Amino acid sequence: MFSRFADVHFYSMQSRCYKSILNNNLYHYKLSAY
């Protein structure tokens, strides 16, 4: 049960990092588009 909780926590951290990376890429793309 603890390992499952750790996996969920790791997945949420990964998705958060992935979303921030996506947002940064979109931000740079918009800047370069202008």
PDB file of N, CA and C in Angstrom:
ATOM      1  N   MET A   1       0.831  -1.196   0.000  1.00  0.00           N
ATOM      2  CA  MET A   1       0.000   0.000   0.000  1.00  0.00           C
ATOM      3  C   MET A   1       0.872   1.256   0.000  1.00  0.00           C
ATOM      4  N   PHE A   2       1.961   1.200   0.758  1.00  0.00           N
ATOM      5  CA  PHE A   2       2.845   2.369   0.798  1.00  0.00           C
ATOM      6  C   PHE A   2       3.484   2.616  -0.571  1.00  0.00           C
ATOM      7  N   SER A   3       3.887   1.526  -1.239  1.00  0.00           N
ATOM      8  CA  SER A   3       4.516   1.691  -2.552  1.00  0.00           C
ATOM      9  C   SER A   3       3.521   2.285  -3.544  1.00  0.00           C
ATOM     10  N   ARG A   4       2.261   1.890  -3.442  1.00  0.00           N
ATOM     11  CA  ARG A   4       1.254   2.439  -4.348  1.00  0.00           C
ATOM     12  C   ARG A   4       1.096   3.938  -4.102  1.00  0.00           C
ATOM     13  N   PHE A   5       1.080   4.321  -2.825  1.00  0.00           N
ATOM     14  CA  PHE A   5       0.973   5.740  -2.492  1.00  0.00           C
ATOM     15  C   PHE A   5       2.177   6.507  -3.039  1.00  0.00           C
ATOM     16  N   ALA A   6       3.363   5.897  -2.924  1.00  0.00           N
ATOM     17  CA  ALA A   6       4.568   6.546  -3.433  1.00  0.00           C
ATOM     18  C   ALA A   6       4.489   6.691  -4.949  1.00  0.00           C
ATOM     19  N   ASP A   7       3.981   5.683  -5.633  1.00  0.00           N
ATOM     20  CA  ASP A   7       3.852   5.761  -7.087  1.00  0.00           C
ATOM     21  C   ASP A   7       2.900   6.880  -7.481  1.00  0.00           C
ATOM     22  N   VAL A   8       1.777   6.990  -6.762  1.00  0.00           N
ATOM     23  CA  VAL A   8       0.818   8.057  -7.080  1.00  0.00           C
ATOM     24  C   VAL A   8       1.448   9.421  -6.833  1.00  0.00           C
ATOM     25  N   HIS A   9       2.176   9.552  -5.732  1.00  0.00           N
ATOM     26  CA  HIS A   9       2.827  10.824  -5.417  1.00  0.00           C
ATOM     27  C   HIS A   9       3.858  11.163  -6.492  1.00  0.00           C
ATOM     28  N   PHE A  10       4.644  10.174  -6.907  1.00  0.00           N
ATOM     29  CA  PHE A  10       5.647  10.401  -7.943  1.00  0.00           C
ATOM     30  C   PHE A  10       4.979  10.787  -9.258  1.00  0.00           C
ATOM     31  N   TYR A  11       3.857  10.140  -9.576  1.00  0.00           N
ATOM     32  CA  TYR A  11       3.157  10.445 -10.823  1.00  0.00           C
ATOM     33  C   TYR A  11       2.620  11.869 -10.801  1.00  0.00           C
ATOM     34  N   SER A  12       2.067  12.297  -9.667  1.00  0.00           N
ATOM     35  CA  SER A  12       1.541  13.660  -9.584  1.00  0.00           C
ATOM     36  C   SER A  12       2.673  14.673  -9.726  1.00  0.00           C
ATOM     37  N   MET A  13       3.832  14.374  -9.124  1.00  0.00           N
ATOM     38  CA  MET A  13       4.974  15.273  -9.268  1.00  0.00           C
ATOM     39  C   MET A  13       5.428  15.323 -10.716  1.00  0.00           C
ATOM     40  N   GLN A  14       5.471  14.164 -11.373  1.00  0.00           N
ATOM     41  CA  GLN A  14       5.883  14.115 -12.772  1.00  0.00           C
ATOM     42  C   GLN A  14       4.936  14.923 -13.646  1.00  0.00           C
ATOM     43  N   SER A  15       3.629  14.735 -13.462  1.00  0.00           N
ATOM     44  CA  SER A  15       2.662  15.445 -14.294  1.00  0.00           C
ATOM     45  C   SER A  15       2.763  16.946 -14.055  1.00  0.00           C
ATOM     46  N   ARG A  16       3.036  17.346 -12.802  1.00  0.00           N
ATOM     47  CA  ARG A  16       3.163  18.775 -12.517  1.00  0.00           C
ATOM     48  C   ARG A  16       4.369  19.347 -13.247  1.00  0.00           C
ATOM     49  N   CYS A  17       5.489  18.632 -13.214  1.00  0.00           N
ATOM     50  CA  CYS A  17       6.683  19.084 -13.924  1.00  0.00           C
ATOM     51  C   CYS A  17       6.416  19.121 -15.418  1.00  0.00           C
ATOM     52  N   TYR A  18       5.722  18.118 -15.937  1.00  0.00           N
ATOM     53  CA  TYR A  18       5.422  18.060 -17.360  1.00  0.00           C
ATOM     54  C   TYR A  18       4.558  19.245 -17.771  1.00  0.00           C
ATOM     55  N   LYS A  19       3.563  19.586 -16.931  1.00  0.00           N
ATOM     56  CA  LYS A  19       2.699  20.725 -17.252  1.00  0.00           C
ATOM     57  C   LYS A  19       3.493  22.024 -17.239  1.00  0.00           C
ATOM     58  N   SER A  20       4.381  22.191 -16.274  1.00  0.00           N
ATOM     59  CA  SER A  20       5.168  23.420 -16.214  1.00  0.00           C
ATOM     60  C   SER A  20       6.090  23.516 -17.428  1.00  0.00           C
ATOM     61  N   ILE A  21       6.663  22.387 -17.853  1.00  0.00           N
ATOM     62  CA  ILE A  21       7.520  22.384 -19.045  1.00  0.00           C
ATOM     63  C   ILE A  21       6.696  22.749 -20.275  1.00  0.00           C
ATOM     64  N   LEU A  22       5.484  22.195 -20.372  1.00  0.00           N
ATOM     65  CA  LEU A  22       4.617  22.523 -21.500  1.00  0.00           C
ATOM     66  C   LEU A  22       4.290  24.005 -21.504  1.00  0.00           C
ATOM     67  N   ASN A  23       3.958  24.562 -20.345  1.00  0.00           N
ATOM     68  CA  ASN A  23       3.628  25.978 -20.266  1.00  0.00           C
ATOM     69  C   ASN A  23       4.824  26.834 -20.665  1.00  0.00           C
ATOM     70  N   ASN A  24       6.021  26.463 -20.227  1.00  0.00           N
ATOM     71  CA  ASN A  24       7.215  27.218 -20.591  1.00  0.00           C
ATOM     72  C   ASN A  24       7.440  27.166 -22.095  1.00  0.00           C
ATOM     73  N   ASN A  25       7.253  25.999 -22.706  1.00  0.00           N
ATOM     74  CA  ASN A  25       7.435  25.876 -24.146  1.00  0.00           C
ATOM     75  C   ASN A  25       6.417  26.722 -24.893  1.00  0.00           C
ATOM     76  N   LEU A  26       5.162  26.705 -24.446  1.00  0.00           N
ATOM     77  CA  LEU A  26       4.137  27.529 -25.086  1.00  0.00           C
ATOM     78  C   LEU A  26       4.471  29.004 -24.934  1.00  0.00           C
ATOM     79  N   TYR A  27       4.965  29.393 -23.769  1.00  0.00           N
ATOM     80  CA  TYR A  27       5.319  30.793 -23.524  1.00  0.00           C
ATOM     81  C   TYR A  27       6.430  31.231 -24.471  1.00  0.00           C
ATOM     82  N   HIS A  28       7.471  30.429 -24.611  1.00  0.00           N
ATOM     83  CA  HIS A  28       8.569  30.764 -25.514  1.00  0.00           C
ATOM     84  C   HIS A  28       8.091  30.761 -26.961  1.00  0.00           C
ATOM     85  N   TYR A  29       7.191  29.851 -27.291  1.00  0.00           N
ATOM     86  CA  TYR A  29       6.674  29.798 -28.658  1.00  0.00           C
ATOM     87  C   TYR A  29       5.894  31.066 -28.986  1.00  0.00           C
ATOM     88  N   LYS A  30       5.093  31.534 -28.020  1.00  0.00           N
ATOM     89  CA  LYS A  30       4.343  32.772 -28.240  1.00  0.00           C
ATOM     90  C   LYS A  30       5.289  33.956 -28.371  1.00  0.00           C
ATOM     91  N   LEU A  31       6.347  33.976 -27.558  1.00  0.00           N
ATOM     92  CA  LEU A  31       7.302  35.075 -27.643  1.00  0.00           C
ATOM     93  C   LEU A  31       7.989  35.077 -29.006  1.00  0.00           C
ATOM     94  N   SER A  32       8.366  33.917 -29.494  1.00  0.00           N
ATOM     95  CA  SER A  32       9.056  33.849 -30.779  1.00  0.00           C
ATOM     96  C   SER A  32       8.099  34.116 -31.933  1.00  0.00           C
ATOM     97  N   ALA A  33       6.795  33.910 -31.712  1.00  0.00           N
ATOM     98  CA  ALA A  33       5.829  34.130 -32.787  1.00  0.00           C
ATOM     99  C   ALA A  33       5.666  35.626 -33.066  1.00  0.00           C
ATOM    100  N   TYR A  34       5.860  36.450 -32.042  1.00  0.00           N
ATOM    101  CA  TYR A  34       5.690  37.899 -32.253  1.00  0.00           C
ATOM    102  C   TYR A  34       6.894  38.512 -32.937  1.00  0.00           C
TER     103      TYR A  34
END
